[in-house]
Amino acid sequence: RLSCVFSGGTFTNYAMGWFRQAPGRH
């Protein structure tokens, strides 16, 4: 389970996404 803490703005103004990058890949 990964977590991400948001700070410095209004959280509810943002959709939140997860991306990943494997070695040698976009």
PDB file of all heavy atoms in Angstrom:
ATOM      1  N   ARG A   1       0.856  -1.181   0.000  1.00  0.00           N
ATOM      2  CA  ARG A   1       0.000   0.000   0.000  1.00  0.00           C
ATOM      3  C   ARG A   1       0.894   1.234   0.000  1.00  0.00           C
ATOM      4  O   ARG A   1       1.696   1.439   0.921  1.00  0.00           O
ATOM      5  CB  ARG A   1      -0.900   0.016   1.232  1.00  0.00           C
ATOM      6  CG  ARG A   1      -1.903   1.158   1.242  1.00  0.00           C
ATOM      7  CD  ARG A   1      -2.788   1.082   2.485  1.00  0.00           C
ATOM      8  NE  ARG A   1      -3.792   2.129   2.552  1.00  0.00           N
ATOM      9  CZ  ARG A   1      -4.995   2.036   1.992  1.00  0.00           C
ATOM     10  NH1 ARG A   1      -5.347   0.938   1.361  1.00  0.00           N
ATOM     11  NH2 ARG A   1      -5.848   3.032   2.085  1.00  0.00           N
ATOM     12  N   LEU A   2       0.753   2.022  -1.058  1.00  0.00           N
ATOM     13  CA  LEU A   2       1.499   3.279  -1.153  1.00  0.00           C
ATOM     14  C   LEU A   2       0.626   4.427  -0.665  1.00  0.00           C
ATOM     15  O   LEU A   2      -0.585   4.422  -0.888  1.00  0.00           O
ATOM     16  CB  LEU A   2       1.926   3.538  -2.590  1.00  0.00           C
ATOM     17  CG  LEU A   2       2.702   2.426  -3.303  1.00  0.00           C
ATOM     18  CD1 LEU A   2       3.107   2.889  -4.704  1.00  0.00           C
ATOM     19  CD2 LEU A   2       3.905   1.999  -2.504  1.00  0.00           C
ATOM     20  N   SER A   3       1.265   5.387  -0.038  1.00  0.00           N
ATOM     21  CA  SER A   3       0.557   6.580   0.419  1.00  0.00           C
ATOM     22  C   SER A   3       1.243   7.823  -0.119  1.00  0.00           C
ATOM     23  O   SER A   3       2.442   7.819  -0.381  1.00  0.00           O
ATOM     24  CB  SER A   3       0.516   6.628   1.950  1.00  0.00           C
ATOM     25  OG  SER A   3      -0.228   5.562   2.472  1.00  0.00           O
ATOM     26  N   CYS A   4       0.465   8.872  -0.243  1.00  0.00           N
ATOM     27  CA  CYS A   4       0.992  10.155  -0.718  1.00  0.00           C
ATOM     28  C   CYS A   4       0.330  11.258   0.089  1.00  0.00           C
ATOM     29  O   CYS A   4      -0.905  11.344   0.132  1.00  0.00           O
ATOM     30  CB  CYS A   4       0.685  10.312  -2.198  1.00  0.00           C
ATOM     31  SG  CYS A   4       1.062  11.936  -2.891  1.00  0.00           S
ATOM     32  N   VAL A   5       1.143  12.069   0.722  1.00  0.00           N
ATOM     33  CA  VAL A   5       0.630  13.184   1.511  1.00  0.00           C
ATOM     34  C   VAL A   5       0.777  14.468   0.716  1.00  0.00           C
ATOM     35  O   VAL A   5       1.852  14.765   0.176  1.00  0.00           O
ATOM     36  CB  VAL A   5       1.365  13.292   2.856  1.00  0.00           C
ATOM     37  CG1 VAL A   5       0.888  14.520   3.615  1.00  0.00           C
ATOM     38  CG2 VAL A   5       1.141  12.025   3.680  1.00  0.00           C
ATOM     39  N   PHE A   6      -0.294  15.220   0.663  1.00  0.00           N
ATOM     40  CA  PHE A   6      -0.380  16.475  -0.104  1.00  0.00           C
ATOM     41  C   PHE A   6      -0.283  17.647   0.868  1.00  0.00           C
ATOM     42  O   PHE A   6      -0.942  17.642   1.923  1.00  0.00           O
ATOM     43  CB  PHE A   6      -1.723  16.486  -0.829  1.00  0.00           C
ATOM     44  CG  PHE A   6      -2.088  17.742  -1.547  1.00  0.00           C
ATOM     45  CD1 PHE A   6      -2.001  17.818  -2.918  1.00  0.00           C
ATOM     46  CD2 PHE A   6      -2.574  18.853  -0.857  1.00  0.00           C
ATOM     47  CE1 PHE A   6      -2.375  18.972  -3.598  1.00  0.00           C
ATOM     48  CE2 PHE A   6      -2.949  20.013  -1.521  1.00  0.00           C
ATOM     49  CZ  PHE A   6      -2.849  20.062  -2.896  1.00  0.00           C
ATOM     50  N   SER A   7       0.482  18.670   0.507  1.00  0.00           N
ATOM     51  CA  SER A   7       0.553  19.875   1.325  1.00  0.00           C
ATOM     52  C   SER A   7       0.777  21.091   0.441  1.00  0.00           C
ATOM     53  O   SER A   7       1.165  20.952  -0.723  1.00  0.00           O
ATOM     54  CB  SER A   7       1.683  19.773   2.358  1.00  0.00           C
ATOM     55  OG  SER A   7       2.927  19.663   1.718  1.00  0.00           O
ATOM     56  N   GLY A   8       0.490  22.278   0.985  1.00  0.00           N
ATOM     57  CA  GLY A   8       0.766  23.512   0.275  1.00  0.00           C
ATOM     58  C   GLY A   8      -0.331  23.996  -0.637  1.00  0.00           C
ATOM     59  O   GLY A   8      -0.107  24.905  -1.442  1.00  0.00           O
ATOM     60  N   GLY A   9      -1.512  23.404  -0.524  1.00  0.00           N
ATOM     61  CA  GLY A   9      -2.614  23.835  -1.379  1.00  0.00           C
ATOM     62  C   GLY A   9      -3.918  23.264  -0.861  1.00  0.00           C
ATOM     63  O   GLY A   9      -3.974  22.701   0.237  1.00  0.00           O
ATOM     64  N   THR A  10      -4.965  23.409  -1.658  1.00  0.00           N
ATOM     65  CA  THR A  10      -6.281  22.880  -1.296  1.00  0.00           C
ATOM     66  C   THR A  10      -6.463  21.532  -1.964  1.00  0.00           C
ATOM     67  O   THR A  10      -6.674  21.456  -3.180  1.00  0.00           O
ATOM     68  CB  THR A  10      -7.392  23.848  -1.708  1.00  0.00           C
ATOM     69  OG1 THR A  10      -7.166  25.121  -1.097  1.00  0.00           O
ATOM     70  CG2 THR A  10      -8.752  23.320  -1.274  1.00  0.00           C
ATOM     71  N   PHE A  11      -6.384  20.491  -1.178  1.00  0.00           N
ATOM     72  CA  PHE A  11      -6.368  19.115  -1.697  1.00  0.00           C
ATOM     73  C   PHE A  11      -7.581  18.816  -2.577  1.00  0.00           C
ATOM     74  O   PHE A  11      -7.469  18.169  -3.618  1.00  0.00           O
ATOM     75  CB  PHE A  11      -6.300  18.155  -0.503  1.00  0.00           C
ATOM     76  CG  PHE A  11      -6.116  16.714  -0.862  1.00  0.00           C
ATOM     77  CD1 PHE A  11      -5.091  16.312  -1.694  1.00  0.00           C
ATOM     78  CD2 PHE A  11      -6.971  15.744  -0.340  1.00  0.00           C
ATOM     79  CE1 PHE A  11      -4.897  14.982  -2.009  1.00  0.00           C
ATOM     80  CE2 PHE A  11      -6.791  14.409  -0.650  1.00  0.00           C
ATOM     81  CZ  PHE A  11      -5.751  14.024  -1.481  1.00  0.00           C
ATOM     82  N   THR A  12      -8.729  19.303  -2.176  1.00  0.00           N
ATOM     83  CA  THR A  12      -9.960  18.983  -2.907  1.00  0.00           C
ATOM     84  C   THR A  12     -10.064  19.706  -4.247  1.00  0.00           C
ATOM     85  O   THR A  12     -11.011  19.465  -4.999  1.00  0.00           O
ATOM     86  CB  THR A  12     -11.180  19.292  -2.043  1.00  0.00           C
ATOM     87  OG1 THR A  12     -11.083  20.639  -1.551  1.00  0.00           O
ATOM     88  CG2 THR A  12     -11.294  18.324  -0.874  1.00  0.00           C
ATOM     89  N   ASN A  13      -9.106  20.547  -4.570  1.00  0.00           N
ATOM     90  CA  ASN A  13      -9.061  21.176  -5.892  1.00  0.00           C
ATOM     91  C   ASN A  13      -8.343  20.315  -6.926  1.00  0.00           C
ATOM     92  O   ASN A  13      -8.227  20.714  -8.089  1.00  0.00           O
ATOM     93  CB  ASN A  13      -8.346  22.530  -5.813  1.00  0.00           C
ATOM     94  CG  ASN A  13      -9.197  23.597  -5.149  1.00  0.00           C
ATOM     95  OD1 ASN A  13     -10.402  23.413  -4.949  1.00  0.00           O
ATOM     96  ND2 ASN A  13      -8.580  24.706  -4.792  1.00  0.00           N
ATOM     97  N   TYR A  14      -7.863  19.151  -6.487  1.00  0.00           N
ATOM     98  CA  TYR A  14      -7.036  18.332  -7.350  1.00  0.00           C
ATOM     99  C   TYR A  14      -7.541  16.901  -7.454  1.00  0.00           C
ATOM    100  O   TYR A  14      -7.857  16.263  -6.438  1.00  0.00           O
ATOM    101  CB  TYR A  14      -5.594  18.294  -6.828  1.00  0.00           C
ATOM    102  CG  TYR A  14      -4.892  19.622  -6.856  1.00  0.00           C
ATOM    103  CD1 TYR A  14      -5.025  20.517  -5.794  1.00  0.00           C
ATOM    104  CD2 TYR A  14      -4.117  19.988  -7.949  1.00  0.00           C
ATOM    105  CE1 TYR A  14      -4.401  21.749  -5.830  1.00  0.00           C
ATOM    106  CE2 TYR A  14      -3.479  21.216  -7.986  1.00  0.00           C
ATOM    107  CZ  TYR A  14      -3.629  22.096  -6.928  1.00  0.00           C
ATOM    108  OH  TYR A  14      -3.012  23.308  -6.973  1.00  0.00           O
ATOM    109  N   ALA A  15      -7.564  16.410  -8.689  1.00  0.00           N
ATOM    110  CA  ALA A  15      -7.633  14.966  -8.884  1.00  0.00           C
ATOM    111  C   ALA A  15      -6.237  14.423  -8.587  1.00  0.00           C
ATOM    112  O   ALA A  15      -5.238  15.116  -8.813  1.00  0.00           O
ATOM    113  CB  ALA A  15      -8.047  14.638 -10.309  1.00  0.00           C
ATOM    114  N   MET A  16      -6.183  13.188  -8.106  1.00  0.00           N
ATOM    115  CA  MET A  16      -4.897  12.604  -7.729  1.00  0.00           C
ATOM    116  C   MET A  16      -4.633  11.345  -8.536  1.00  0.00           C
ATOM    117  O   MET A  16      -5.521  10.484  -8.666  1.00  0.00           O
ATOM    118  CB  MET A  16      -4.888  12.283  -6.234  1.00  0.00           C
ATOM    119  CG  MET A  16      -5.082  13.499  -5.335  1.00  0.00           C
ATOM    120  SD  MET A  16      -3.783  14.733  -5.533  1.00  0.00           S
ATOM    121  CE  MET A  16      -2.347  13.827  -4.970  1.00  0.00           C
ATOM    122  N   GLY A  17      -3.441  11.236  -9.040  1.00  0.00           N
ATOM    123  CA  GLY A  17      -3.092  10.097  -9.866  1.00  0.00           C
ATOM    124  C   GLY A  17      -1.821   9.408  -9.415  1.00  0.00           C
ATOM    125  O   GLY A  17      -1.028   9.980  -8.657  1.00  0.00           O
ATOM    126  N   TRP A  18      -1.675   8.194  -9.901  1.00  0.00           N
ATOM    127  CA  TRP A  18      -0.445   7.417  -9.687  1.00  0.00           C
ATOM    128  C   TRP A  18       0.102   7.009 -11.045  1.00  0.00           C
ATOM    129  O   TRP A  18      -0.652   6.546 -11.920  1.00  0.00           O
ATOM    130  CB  TRP A  18      -0.725   6.172  -8.846  1.00  0.00           C
ATOM    131  CG  TRP A  18      -1.021   6.453  -7.417  1.00  0.00           C
ATOM    132  CD1 TRP A  18      -2.254   6.643  -6.854  1.00  0.00           C
ATOM    133  CD2 TRP A  18      -0.074   6.590  -6.357  1.00  0.00           C
ATOM    134  NE1 TRP A  18      -2.129   6.891  -5.513  1.00  0.00           N
ATOM    135  CE2 TRP A  18      -0.792   6.850  -5.174  1.00  0.00           C
ATOM    136  CE3 TRP A  18       1.322   6.497  -6.275  1.00  0.00           C
ATOM    137  CZ2 TRP A  18      -0.176   7.038  -3.934  1.00  0.00           C
ATOM    138  CZ3 TRP A  18       1.933   6.682  -5.049  1.00  0.00           C
ATOM    139  CH2 TRP A  18       1.186   6.951  -3.895  1.00  0.00           C
ATOM    140  N   PHE A  19       1.396   7.184 -11.190  1.00  0.00           N
ATOM    141  CA  PHE A  19       2.111   6.772 -12.382  1.00  0.00           C
ATOM    142  C   PHE A  19       3.283   5.906 -11.946  1.00  0.00           C
ATOM    143  O   PHE A  19       3.657   5.902 -10.769  1.00  0.00           O
ATOM    144  CB  PHE A  19       2.642   7.994 -13.145  1.00  0.00           C
ATOM    145  CG  PHE A  19       1.581   8.813 -13.811  1.00  0.00           C
ATOM    146  CD1 PHE A  19       0.740   9.645 -13.080  1.00  0.00           C
ATOM    147  CD2 PHE A  19       1.418   8.766 -15.190  1.00  0.00           C
ATOM    148  CE1 PHE A  19      -0.240  10.401 -13.704  1.00  0.00           C
ATOM    149  CE2 PHE A  19       0.439   9.526 -15.825  1.00  0.00           C
ATOM    150  CZ  PHE A  19      -0.384  10.334 -15.077  1.00  0.00           C
ATOM    151  N   ARG A  20       3.883   5.204 -12.906  1.00  0.00           N
ATOM    152  CA  ARG A  20       5.070   4.420 -12.579  1.00  0.00           C
ATOM    153  C   ARG A  20       6.026   4.411 -13.760  1.00  0.00           C
ATOM    154  O   ARG A  20       5.620   4.590 -14.899  1.00  0.00           O
ATOM    155  CB  ARG A  20       4.677   2.988 -12.196  1.00  0.00           C
ATOM    156  CG  ARG A  20       4.112   2.156 -13.328  1.00  0.00           C
ATOM    157  CD  ARG A  20       3.625   0.815 -12.798  1.00  0.00           C
ATOM    158  NE  ARG A  20       3.102  -0.031 -13.862  1.00  0.00           N
ATOM    159  CZ  ARG A  20       2.527  -1.211 -13.668  1.00  0.00           C
ATOM    160  NH1 ARG A  20       2.386  -1.687 -12.431  1.00  0.00           N
ATOM    161  NH2 ARG A  20       2.085  -1.918 -14.690  1.00  0.00           N
ATOM    162  N   GLN A  21       7.287   4.218 -13.426  1.00  0.00           N
ATOM    163  CA  GLN A  21       8.312   4.148 -14.460  1.00  0.00           C
ATOM    164  C   GLN A  21       9.283   3.029 -14.138  1.00  0.00           C
ATOM    165  O   GLN A  21       9.957   3.060 -13.101  1.00  0.00           O
ATOM    166  CB  GLN A  21       9.060   5.473 -14.586  1.00  0.00           C
ATOM    167  CG  GLN A  21      10.034   5.493 -15.748  1.00  0.00           C
ATOM    168  CD  GLN A  21      10.556   6.876 -16.041  1.00  0.00           C
ATOM    169  OE1 GLN A  21      10.495   7.773 -15.209  1.00  0.00           O
ATOM    170  NE2 GLN A  21      11.065   7.083 -17.241  1.00  0.00           N
ATOM    171  N   ALA A  22       9.314   2.052 -15.030  1.00  0.00           N
ATOM    172  CA  ALA A  22      10.255   0.940 -14.904  1.00  0.00           C
ATOM    173  C   ALA A  22      11.536   1.302 -15.634  1.00  0.00           C
ATOM    174  O   ALA A  22      11.524   2.146 -16.547  1.00  0.00           O
ATOM    175  CB  ALA A  22       9.634  -0.321 -15.483  1.00  0.00           C
ATOM    176  N   PRO A  23      12.643   0.681 -15.279  1.00  0.00           N
ATOM    177  CA  PRO A  23      13.919   0.979 -15.947  1.00  0.00           C
ATOM    178  C   PRO A  23      13.816   0.788 -17.455  1.00  0.00           C
ATOM    179  O   PRO A  23      13.302  -0.221 -17.934  1.00  0.00           O
ATOM    180  CB  PRO A  23      14.873  -0.042 -15.327  1.00  0.00           C
ATOM    181  CG  PRO A  23      14.291  -0.348 -13.998  1.00  0.00           C
ATOM    182  CD  PRO A  23      12.803  -0.290 -14.181  1.00  0.00           C
ATOM    183  N   GLY A  24      14.255   1.790 -18.192  1.00  0.00           N
ATOM    184  CA  GLY A  24      14.255   1.695 -19.629  1.00  0.00           C
ATOM    185  C   GLY A  24      12.905   1.916 -20.289  1.00  0.00           C
ATOM    186  O   GLY A  24      12.773   1.746 -21.505  1.00  0.00           O
ATOM    187  N   ARG A  25      11.921   2.306 -19.498  1.00  0.00           N
ATOM    188  CA  ARG A  25      10.574   2.507 -20.052  1.00  0.00           C
ATOM    189  C   ARG A  25      10.077   3.905 -19.737  1.00  0.00           C
ATOM    190  O   ARG A  25      10.564   4.576 -18.823  1.00  0.00           O
ATOM    191  CB  ARG A  25       9.620   1.453 -19.492  1.00  0.00           C
ATOM    192  CG  ARG A  25      10.049   0.033 -19.795  1.00  0.00           C
ATOM    193  CD  ARG A  25       9.024  -0.965 -19.357  1.00  0.00           C
ATOM    194  NE  ARG A  25       7.776  -0.835 -20.120  1.00  0.00           N
ATOM    195  CZ  ARG A  25       6.756  -1.671 -19.984  1.00  0.00           C
ATOM    196  NH1 ARG A  25       6.823  -2.661 -19.117  1.00  0.00           N
ATOM    197  NH2 ARG A  25       5.669  -1.502 -20.691  1.00  0.00           N
ATOM    198  N   HIS A  26       9.083   4.335 -20.518  1.00  0.00           N
ATOM    199  CA  HIS A  26       8.464   5.627 -20.259  1.00  0.00           C
ATOM    200  C   HIS A  26       7.581   5.535 -19.016  1.00  0.00           C
ATOM    201  O   HIS A  26       7.099   4.456 -18.661  1.00  0.00           O
ATOM    202  CB  HIS A  26       7.604   6.046 -21.451  1.00  0.00           C
ATOM    203  CG  HIS A  26       8.403   6.307 -22.695  1.00  0.00           C
ATOM    204  ND1 HIS A  26       9.331   7.324 -22.776  1.00  0.00           N
ATOM    205  CD2 HIS A  26       8.383   5.697 -23.899  1.00  0.00           C
ATOM    206  CE1 HIS A  26       9.861   7.316 -23.978  1.00  0.00           C
ATOM    207  NE2 HIS A  26       9.314   6.338 -24.683  1.00  0.00           N
TER     208      HIS A  26
END
